[in-house]
Amino acid sequence: MNRTHVTFLSMGIVAAALAVLAPAASAQDADFPPPEVIATLTPTYFEGHAAYWYHDHWHYRDARGAWGFYHDEPAFLRDRRAARPVDRHFYTTGHSVFHGGRR
């Protein structure tokens, strides 16, 4: 084996070891609403930004665009959620709503 192959082999072994040893992402890290869910929800505005009810928490984007959520549900958002159900819109022509309930 020449030196180049040994180097690439060593790098591959190190990368595989790091992948095995790296901690797995927690569910909390990936528990923010994906774009396809955001597209179907009607936002509720609170503290100057849009908030979305998703997986039992209110989620929002901060000024930098990073996702955050309220650990304790603010009273305004709790009352708003109790007063009206979460609005979802379906953007597909195959949904029965677009065919008058007929398929």
Foldseek 3Di string as FASTA:
>chain_A
DDPVVVVVVVVVVVVVVCVVPPDDDDCVVVQDDDPVQVVFWDFDDDPHFTWDCGPNWTWTADPVRDIDTDPDDDPVVVVVCVVDPIGTDDPDCPDCVVVVNDD
